[in-house]
PDB file of N, CA and C in Angstrom:
ATOM      1  N   MET A   1     117.859 104.548 105.188  1.00  0.00           N
ATOM      2  CA  MET A   1     117.124 103.411 105.671  1.00  0.00           C
ATOM      3  C   MET A   1     116.267 102.855 104.536  1.00  0.00           C
ATOM      4  N   THR A   2     116.153 101.554 104.479  1.00  0.00           N
ATOM      5  CA  THR A   2     115.346 100.902 103.452  1.00  0.00           C
ATOM      6  C   THR A   2     114.372  99.921 104.099  1.00  0.00           C
ATOM      7  N   SER A   3     113.330  99.602 103.360  1.00  0.00           N
ATOM      8  CA  SER A   3     112.359  98.588 103.782  1.00  0.00           C
ATOM      9  C   SER A   3     112.259  97.538 102.690  1.00  0.00           C
ATOM     10  N   ASN A   4     112.231  96.282 103.087  1.00  0.00           N
ATOM     11  CA  ASN A   4     112.097  95.186 102.142  1.00  0.00           C
ATOM     12  C   ASN A   4     110.661  94.691 102.141  1.00  0.00           C
ATOM     13  N   TYR A   5     110.155  94.399 100.957  1.00  0.00           N
ATOM     14  CA  TYR A   5     108.791  93.908 100.797  1.00  0.00           C
ATOM     15  C   TYR A   5     108.818  92.541 100.135  1.00  0.00           C
ATOM     16  N   ASP A   6     107.948  91.676 100.586  1.00  0.00           N
ATOM     17  CA  ASP A   6     107.793  90.331 100.037  1.00  0.00           C
ATOM     18  C   ASP A   6     106.304  90.027 100.106  1.00  0.00           C
ATOM     19  N   SER A   7     105.661  89.953  98.953  1.00  0.00           N
ATOM     20  CA  SER A   7     104.204  89.859  98.944  1.00  0.00           C
ATOM     21  C   SER A   7     103.695  89.126  97.710  1.00  0.00           C
ATOM     22  N   GLU A   8     102.532  88.519  97.859  1.00  0.00           N
ATOM     23  CA  GLU A   8     101.795  88.050  96.693  1.00  0.00           C
ATOM     24  C   GLU A   8     101.367  89.302  95.929  1.00  0.00           C
ATOM     25  N   ALA A   9     101.317  89.216  94.621  1.00  0.00           N
ATOM     26  CA  ALA A   9     100.939  90.360  93.788  1.00  0.00           C
ATOM     27  C   ALA A   9     100.535  89.821  92.419  1.00  0.00           C
ATOM     28  N   HIS A  10     100.294  90.734  91.494  1.00  0.00           N
ATOM     29  CA  HIS A  10     100.033  90.377  90.098  1.00  0.00           C
ATOM     30  C   HIS A  10     100.894  91.271  89.220  1.00  0.00           C
ATOM     31  N   VAL A  11     101.384  90.694  88.148  1.00  0.00           N
ATOM     32  CA  VAL A  11     102.041  91.472  87.103  1.00  0.00           C
ATOM     33  C   VAL A  11     101.095  91.470  85.911  1.00  0.00           C
ATOM     34  N   VAL A  12     100.878  92.650  85.357  1.00  0.00           N
ATOM     35  CA  VAL A  12     100.055  92.774  84.164  1.00  0.00           C
ATOM     36  C   VAL A  12     100.997  93.084  83.005  1.00  0.00           C
ATOM     37  N   ILE A  13     101.076  92.140  82.069  1.00  0.00           N
ATOM     38  CA  ILE A  13     101.958  92.278  80.904  1.00  0.00           C
ATOM     39  C   ILE A  13     101.082  92.363  79.665  1.00  0.00           C
ATOM     40  N   ASP A  14     101.096  93.520  79.027  1.00  0.00           N
ATOM     41  CA  ASP A  14     100.287  93.735  77.820  1.00  0.00           C
ATOM     42  C   ASP A  14      98.848  93.267  78.012  1.00  0.00           C
ATOM     43  N   GLY A  15      98.293  93.563  79.186  1.00  0.00           N
ATOM     44  CA  GLY A  15      96.904  93.256  79.475  1.00  0.00           C
ATOM     45  C   GLY A  15      96.665  91.891  80.105  1.00  0.00           C
ATOM     46  N   GLU A  16      97.666  91.021  80.130  1.00  0.00           N
ATOM     47  CA  GLU A  16      97.515  89.693  80.739  1.00  0.00           C
ATOM     48  C   GLU A  16      97.962  89.748  82.205  1.00  0.00           C
ATOM     49  N   GLU A  17      97.086  89.327  83.103  1.00  0.00           N
ATOM     50  CA  GLU A  17      97.360  89.358  84.538  1.00  0.00           C
ATOM     51  C   GLU A  17      97.938  88.013  84.980  1.00  0.00           C
ATOM     52  N   ILE A  18      99.105  88.061  85.636  1.00  0.00           N
ATOM     53  CA  ILE A  18      99.801  86.849  86.061  1.00  0.00           C
ATOM     54  C   ILE A  18     100.101  86.941  87.555  1.00  0.00           C
ATOM     55  N   PRO A  19      99.670  85.955  88.356  1.00  0.00           N
ATOM     56  CA  PRO A  19      99.981  85.970  89.782  1.00  0.00           C
ATOM     57  C   PRO A  19     101.475  85.738  90.015  1.00  0.00           C
ATOM     58  N   VAL A  20     102.055  86.492  90.958  1.00  0.00           N
ATOM     59  CA  VAL A  20     103.483  86.397  91.265  1.00  0.00           C
ATOM     60  C   VAL A  20     103.724  86.546  92.758  1.00  0.00           C
ATOM     61  N   ARG A  21     104.923  86.232  93.162  1.00  0.00           N
ATOM     62  CA  ARG A  21     105.463  86.596  94.473  1.00  0.00           C
ATOM     63  C   ARG A  21     106.484  87.678  94.161  1.00  0.00           C
ATOM     64  N   ALA A  22     106.306  88.871  94.719  1.00  0.00           N
ATOM     65  CA  ALA A  22     107.177  90.011  94.435  1.00  0.00           C
ATOM     66  C   ALA A  22     108.022  90.346  95.657  1.00  0.00           C
ATOM     67  N   THR A  23     109.304  90.540  95.446  1.00  0.00           N
ATOM     68  CA  THR A  23     110.193  91.030  96.495  1.00  0.00           C
ATOM     69  C   THR A  23     110.918  92.255  95.945  1.00  0.00           C
ATOM     70  N   PHE A  24     110.977  93.307  96.753  1.00  0.00           N
ATOM     71  CA  PHE A  24     111.669  94.521  96.329  1.00  0.00           C
ATOM     72  C   PHE A  24     112.000  95.379  97.537  1.00  0.00           C
ATOM     73  N   THR A  25     112.827  96.391  97.313  1.00  0.00           N
ATOM     74  CA  THR A  25     113.288  97.293  98.365  1.00  0.00           C
ATOM     75  C   THR A  25     112.833  98.710  98.068  1.00  0.00           C
ATOM     76  N   VAL A  26     112.411  99.425  99.109  1.00  0.00           N
ATOM     77  CA  VAL A  26     112.002 100.831  99.001  1.00  0.00           C
ATOM     78  C   VAL A  26     112.859 101.629  99.977  1.00  0.00           C
ATOM     79  N   ASP A  27     113.365 102.795  99.526  1.00  0.00           N
ATOM     80  CA  ASP A  27     114.164 103.628 100.438  1.00  0.00           C
ATOM     81  C   ASP A  27     113.332 104.771 101.010  1.00  0.00           C
ATOM     82  N   THR A  28     113.955 105.592 101.820  1.00  0.00           N
ATOM     83  CA  THR A  28     113.239 106.646 102.544  1.00  0.00           C
ATOM     84  C   THR A  28     112.724 107.769 101.656  1.00  0.00           C
ATOM     85  N   VAL A  29     113.237 107.885 100.448  1.00  0.00           N
ATOM     86  CA  VAL A  29     112.723 108.910  99.532  1.00  0.00           C
ATOM     87  C   VAL A  29     111.778 108.303  98.506  1.00  0.00           C
ATOM     88  N   ASN A  30     111.237 107.119  98.850  1.00  0.00           N
ATOM     89  CA  ASN A  30     110.206 106.466  98.062  1.00  0.00           C
ATOM     90  C   ASN A  30     110.670 106.005  96.682  1.00  0.00           C
ATOM     91  N   ARG A  31     111.942 105.606  96.587  1.00  0.00           N
ATOM     92  CA  ARG A  31     112.439 104.958  95.371  1.00  0.00           C
ATOM     93  C   ARG A  31     112.438 103.459  95.627  1.00  0.00           C
ATOM     94  N   TRP A  32     112.230 102.673  94.586  1.00  0.00           N
ATOM     95  CA  TRP A  32     112.248 101.223  94.759  1.00  0.00           C
ATOM     96  C   TRP A  32     113.100 100.568  93.690  1.00  0.00           C
ATOM     97  N   TRP A  33     113.683  99.440  94.085  1.00  0.00           N
ATOM     98  CA  TRP A  33     114.594  98.721  93.197  1.00  0.00           C
ATOM     99  C   TRP A  33     114.848  97.320  93.736  1.00  0.00           C
ATOM    100  N   GLY A  34     115.721  96.611  93.044  1.00  0.00           N
ATOM    101  CA  GLY A  34     116.174  95.310  93.514  1.00  0.00           C
ATOM    102  C   GLY A  34     115.112  94.246  93.537  1.00  0.00           C
ATOM    103  N   GLY A  35     114.184  94.313  92.603  1.00  0.00           N
ATOM    104  CA  GLY A  35     113.060  93.408  92.660  1.00  0.00           C
ATOM    105  C   GLY A  35     113.274  92.076  91.971  1.00  0.00           C
ATOM    106  N   ALA A  36     112.571  91.085  92.496  1.00  0.00           N
ATOM    107  CA  ALA A  36     112.496  89.770  91.861  1.00  0.00           C
ATOM    108  C   ALA A  36     111.038  89.331  91.862  1.00  0.00           C
ATOM    109  N   LEU A  37     110.662  88.658  90.804  1.00  0.00           N
ATOM    110  CA  LEU A  37     109.297  88.153  90.651  1.00  0.00           C
ATOM    111  C   LEU A  37     109.368  86.655  90.421  1.00  0.00           C
ATOM    112  N   ASN A  38     108.539  85.916  91.109  1.00  0.00           N
ATOM    113  CA  ASN A  38     108.448  84.474  90.923  1.00  0.00           C
ATOM    114  C   ASN A  38     107.001  84.124  90.631  1.00  0.00           C
ATOM    115  N   SER A  39     106.807  83.264  89.635  1.00  0.00           N
ATOM    116  CA  SER A  39     105.462  82.873  89.237  1.00  0.00           C
ATOM    117  C   SER A  39     105.435  81.396  88.873  1.00  0.00           C
ATOM    118  N   GLU A  40     104.300  80.770  89.041  1.00  0.00           N
ATOM    119  CA  GLU A  40     104.134  79.395  88.599  1.00  0.00           C
ATOM    120  C   GLU A  40     103.707  79.347  87.134  1.00  0.00           C
ATOM    121  N   HIS A  41     103.518  80.507  86.535  1.00  0.00           N
ATOM    122  CA  HIS A  41     103.070  80.627  85.143  1.00  0.00           C
ATOM    123  C   HIS A  41     104.233  80.297  84.193  1.00  0.00           C
ATOM    124  N   THR A  42     104.088  79.248  83.401  1.00  0.00           N
ATOM    125  CA  THR A  42     105.123  78.840  82.458  1.00  0.00           C
ATOM    126  C   THR A  42     105.402  79.968  81.469  1.00  0.00           C
ATOM    127  N   GLY A  43     106.661  80.272  81.262  1.00  0.00           N
ATOM    128  CA  GLY A  43     107.058  81.304  80.315  1.00  0.00           C
ATOM    129  C   GLY A  43     106.942  82.716  80.853  1.00  0.00           C
ATOM    130  N   PHE A  44     106.725  82.865  82.157  1.00  0.00           N
ATOM    131  CA  PHE A  44     106.560  84.196  82.742  1.00  0.00           C
ATOM    132  C   PHE A  44     107.733  85.123  82.415  1.00  0.00           C
ATOM    133  N   ALA A  45     108.962  84.670  82.663  1.00  0.00           N
ATOM    134  CA  ALA A  45     110.127  85.530  82.445  1.00  0.00           C
ATOM    135  C   ALA A  45     110.230  85.958  80.980  1.00  0.00           C
ATOM    136  N   PHE A  46     109.953  85.046  80.063  1.00  0.00           N
ATOM    137  CA  PHE A  46     109.982  85.372  78.639  1.00  0.00           C
ATOM    138  C   PHE A  46     108.964  86.459  78.320  1.00  0.00           C
ATOM    139  N   LYS A  47     107.754  86.312  78.855  1.00  0.00           N
ATOM    140  CA  LYS A  47     106.724  87.317  78.612  1.00  0.00           C
ATOM    141  C   LYS A  47     107.134  88.675  79.152  1.00  0.00           C
ATOM    142  N   LEU A  48     107.713  88.709  80.360  1.00  0.00           N
ATOM    143  CA  LEU A  48     108.139  89.986  80.931  1.00  0.00           C
ATOM    144  C   LEU A  48     109.239  90.617  80.081  1.00  0.00           C
ATOM    145  N   MET A  49     110.193  89.804  79.653  1.00  0.00           N
ATOM    146  CA  MET A  49     111.324  90.327  78.867  1.00  0.00           C
ATOM    147  C   MET A  49     110.880  90.843  77.496  1.00  0.00           C
ATOM    148  N   ASN A  50     109.820  90.273  76.955  1.00  0.00           N
ATOM    149  CA  ASN A  50     109.399  90.611  75.594  1.00  0.00           C
ATOM    150  C   ASN A  50     108.121  91.438  75.510  1.00  0.00           C
ATOM    151  N   GLY A  51     107.512  91.724  76.638  1.00  0.00           N
ATOM    152  CA  GLY A  51     106.283  92.517  76.633  1.00  0.00           C
ATOM    153  C   GLY A  51     106.544  93.985  76.341  1.00  0.00           C
ATOM    154  N   GLN A  52     105.519  94.658  75.879  1.00  0.00           N
ATOM    155  CA  GLN A  52     105.612  96.088  75.582  1.00  0.00           C
ATOM    156  C   GLN A  52     105.371  96.943  76.819  1.00  0.00           C
ATOM    157  N   ARG A  53     104.474  96.475  77.701  1.00  0.00           N
ATOM    158  CA  ARG A  53     104.107  97.264  78.881  1.00  0.00           C
ATOM    159  C   ARG A  53     103.826  96.314  80.040  1.00  0.00           C
ATOM    160  N   ALA A  54     104.421  96.611  81.201  1.00  0.00           N
ATOM    161  CA  ALA A  54     104.201  95.763  82.376  1.00  0.00           C
ATOM    162  C   ALA A  54     104.027  96.633  83.609  1.00  0.00           C
ATOM    163  N   SER A  55     103.201  96.150  84.524  1.00  0.00           N
ATOM    164  CA  SER A  55     103.024  96.845  85.800  1.00  0.00           C
ATOM    165  C   SER A  55     102.855  95.811  86.908  1.00  0.00           C
ATOM    166  N   LEU A  56     103.192  96.237  88.113  1.00  0.00           N
ATOM    167  CA  LEU A  56     103.038  95.409  89.302  1.00  0.00           C
ATOM    168  C   LEU A  56     101.837  95.916  90.078  1.00  0.00           C
ATOM    169  N   ARG A  57     100.895  95.007  90.385  1.00  0.00           N
ATOM    170  CA  ARG A  57      99.727  95.375  91.172  1.00  0.00           C
ATOM    171  C   ARG A  57      99.783  94.625  92.498  1.00  0.00           C
ATOM    172  N   MET A  58      99.799  95.381  93.577  1.00  0.00           N
ATOM    173  CA  MET A  58      99.865  94.815  94.910  1.00  0.00           C
ATOM    174  C   MET A  58      98.458  94.445  95.391  1.00  0.00           C
ATOM    175  N   PRO A  59      98.339  93.668  96.478  1.00  0.00           N
ATOM    176  CA  PRO A  59      97.016  93.284  96.991  1.00  0.00           C
ATOM    177  C   PRO A  59      96.118  94.481  97.323  1.00  0.00           C
ATOM    178  N   SER A  60      96.707  95.627  97.621  1.00  0.00           N
ATOM    179  CA  SER A  60      95.934  96.834  97.920  1.00  0.00           C
ATOM    180  C   SER A  60      95.241  97.395  96.677  1.00  0.00           C
ATOM    181  N   GLY A  61      95.651  96.912  95.495  1.00  0.00           N
ATOM    182  CA  GLY A  61      95.111  97.422  94.243  1.00  0.00           C
ATOM    183  C   GLY A  61      95.985  98.495  93.615  1.00  0.00           C
ATOM    184  N   LYS A  62      96.980  98.987  94.353  1.00  0.00           N
ATOM    185  CA  LYS A  62      97.876 100.011  93.798  1.00  0.00           C
ATOM    186  C   LYS A  62      98.820  99.372  92.791  1.00  0.00           C
ATOM    187  N   THR A  63      99.100 100.128  91.722  1.00  0.00           N
ATOM    188  CA  THR A  63      99.954  99.620  90.654  1.00  0.00           C
ATOM    189  C   THR A  63     101.076 100.604  90.356  1.00  0.00           C
ATOM    190  N   ALA A  64     102.128 100.089  89.721  1.00  0.00           N
ATOM    191  CA  ALA A  64     103.240 100.914  89.259  1.00  0.00           C
ATOM    192  C   ALA A  64     103.899 100.216  88.080  1.00  0.00           C
ATOM    193  N   PRO A  65     104.418 100.992  87.138  1.00  0.00           N
ATOM    194  CA  PRO A  65     105.094 100.396  85.987  1.00  0.00           C
ATOM    195  C   PRO A  65     106.382  99.691  86.418  1.00  0.00           C
ATOM    196  N   ILE A  66     106.695  98.598  85.728  1.00  0.00           N
ATOM    197  CA  ILE A  66     107.956  97.891  85.941  1.00  0.00           C
ATOM    198  C   ILE A  66     108.574  97.553  84.598  1.00  0.00           C
ATOM    199  N   ALA A  67     109.861  97.233  84.631  1.00  0.00           N
ATOM    200  CA  ALA A  67     110.587  96.793  83.442  1.00  0.00           C
ATOM    201  C   ALA A  67     111.535  95.678  83.859  1.00  0.00           C
ATOM    202  N   PRO A  68     111.836  94.754  82.945  1.00  0.00           N
ATOM    203  CA  PRO A  68     112.796  93.710  83.276  1.00  0.00           C
ATOM    204  C   PRO A  68     114.166  94.324  83.539  1.00  0.00           C
ATOM    205  N   ALA A  69     114.943  93.688  84.404  1.00  0.00           N
ATOM    206  CA  ALA A  69     116.280  94.195  84.741  1.00  0.00           C
ATOM    207  C   ALA A  69     117.214  93.026  84.999  1.00  0.00           C
ATOM    208  N   GLY A  70     118.378  93.085  84.424  1.00  0.00           N
ATOM    209  CA  GLY A  70     119.399  92.098  84.732  1.00  0.00           C
ATOM    210  C   GLY A  70     119.136  90.699  84.223  1.00  0.00           C
ATOM    211  N   GLY A  71     118.241  90.555  83.290  1.00  0.00           N
ATOM    212  CA  GLY A  71     117.981  89.247  82.718  1.00  0.00           C
ATOM    213  C   GLY A  71     117.080  88.393  83.585  1.00  0.00           C
ATOM    214  N   GLN A  72     116.712  87.269  83.041  1.00  0.00           N
ATOM    215  CA  GLN A  72     115.809  86.392  83.765  1.00  0.00           C
ATOM    216  C   GLN A  72     116.589  85.468  84.684  1.00  0.00           C
ATOM    217  N   LEU A  73     115.946  85.041  85.750  1.00  0.00           N
ATOM    218  CA  LEU A  73     116.531  84.080  86.677  1.00  0.00           C
ATOM    219  C   LEU A  73     116.196  82.660  86.257  1.00  0.00           C
ATOM    220  N   GLY A  74     115.125  82.504  85.530  1.00  0.00           N
ATOM    221  CA  GLY A  74     114.653  81.189  85.072  1.00  0.00           C
ATOM    222  C   GLY A  74     113.338  81.375  84.355  1.00  0.00           C
ATOM    223  N   GLY A  75     112.742  80.296  83.902  1.00  0.00           N
ATOM    224  CA  GLY A  75     111.505  80.394  83.142  1.00  0.00           C
ATOM    225  C   GLY A  75     110.357  81.015  83.905  1.00  0.00           C
ATOM    226  N   THR A  76     110.346  80.866  85.224  1.00  0.00           N
ATOM    227  CA  THR A  76     109.243  81.399  86.022  1.00  0.00           C
ATOM    228  C   THR A  76     109.694  82.482  86.990  1.00  0.00           C
ATOM    229  N   SER A  77     110.946  82.925  86.887  1.00  0.00           N
ATOM    230  CA  SER A  77     111.473  83.969  87.769  1.00  0.00           C
ATOM    231  C   SER A  77     112.200  85.031  86.960  1.00  0.00           C
ATOM    232  N   ALA A  78     112.060  86.288  87.383  1.00  0.00           N
ATOM    233  CA  ALA A  78     112.711  87.384  86.665  1.00  0.00           C
ATOM    234  C   ALA A  78     113.034  88.526  87.617  1.00  0.00           C
ATOM    235  N   ARG A  79     114.086  89.253  87.306  1.00  0.00           N
ATOM    236  CA  ARG A  79     114.415  90.476  88.032  1.00  0.00           C
ATOM    237  C   ARG A  79     113.652  91.630  87.381  1.00  0.00           C
ATOM    238  N   PHE A  80     113.362  92.661  88.178  1.00  0.00           N
ATOM    239  CA  PHE A  80     112.667  93.814  87.598  1.00  0.00           C
ATOM    240  C   PHE A  80     113.128  95.099  88.270  1.00  0.00           C
ATOM    241  N   GLN A  81     112.841  96.208  87.593  1.00  0.00           N
ATOM    242  CA  GLN A  81     113.114  97.551  88.090  1.00  0.00           C
ATOM    243  C   GLN A  81     111.793  98.300  88.125  1.00  0.00           C
ATOM    244  N   GLY A  82     111.484  98.909  89.257  1.00  0.00           N
ATOM    245  CA  GLY A  82     110.272  99.699  89.374  1.00  0.00           C
ATOM    246  C   GLY A  82     110.464 101.083  88.798  1.00  0.00           C
ATOM    247  N   SER A  83     109.370 101.717  88.430  1.00  0.00           N
ATOM    248  CA  SER A  83     109.399 103.067  87.881  1.00  0.00           C
ATOM    249  C   SER A  83     108.390 103.923  88.624  1.00  0.00           C
ATOM    250  N   GLY A  84     108.770 105.138  88.948  1.00  0.00           N
ATOM    251  CA  GLY A  84     107.867 106.020  89.683  1.00  0.00           C
ATOM    252  C   GLY A  84     107.753 105.614  91.135  1.00  0.00           C
ATOM    253  N   ALA A  85     106.683 106.023  91.764  1.00  0.00           N
ATOM    254  CA  ALA A  85     106.462 105.686  93.174  1.00  0.00           C
ATOM    255  C   ALA A  85     106.103 104.213  93.308  1.00  0.00           C
ATOM    256  N   PRO A  86     106.583 103.541  94.368  1.00  0.00           N
ATOM    257  CA  PRO A  86     106.220 102.131  94.560  1.00  0.00           C
ATOM    258  C   PRO A  86     104.729 101.978  94.838  1.00  0.00           C
ATOM    259  N   PRO A  87     104.164 100.838  94.493  1.00  0.00           N
ATOM    260  CA  PRO A  87     102.722 100.639  94.648  1.00  0.00           C
ATOM    261  C   PRO A  87     102.337 100.235  96.082  1.00  0.00           C
ATOM    262  N   LEU A  88     102.647 101.100  97.016  1.00  0.00           N
ATOM    263  CA  LEU A  88     102.365 100.802  98.432  1.00  0.00           C
ATOM    264  C   LEU A  88     101.333 101.739  98.993  1.00  0.00           C
TER     265      LEU A  88
END
């Protein structure tokens, strides 16, 4: 069984905080994948693809490391892969 999440969040890329809309899936053993990030921030996808360190911070304040996955969808949208426990 899986759960889908769609939420406002922030991505922190090399210390820069960028507001995003995050969608991703979490399974019953607390793995997460299949994420997409959308932002109104110009050049967001480029920054994610070229940053050294990125994390997703949910409205609860919980964070988890992320990495780009599968290339960018556009200048303000990107796919990502979560690492470790999801920030829920």
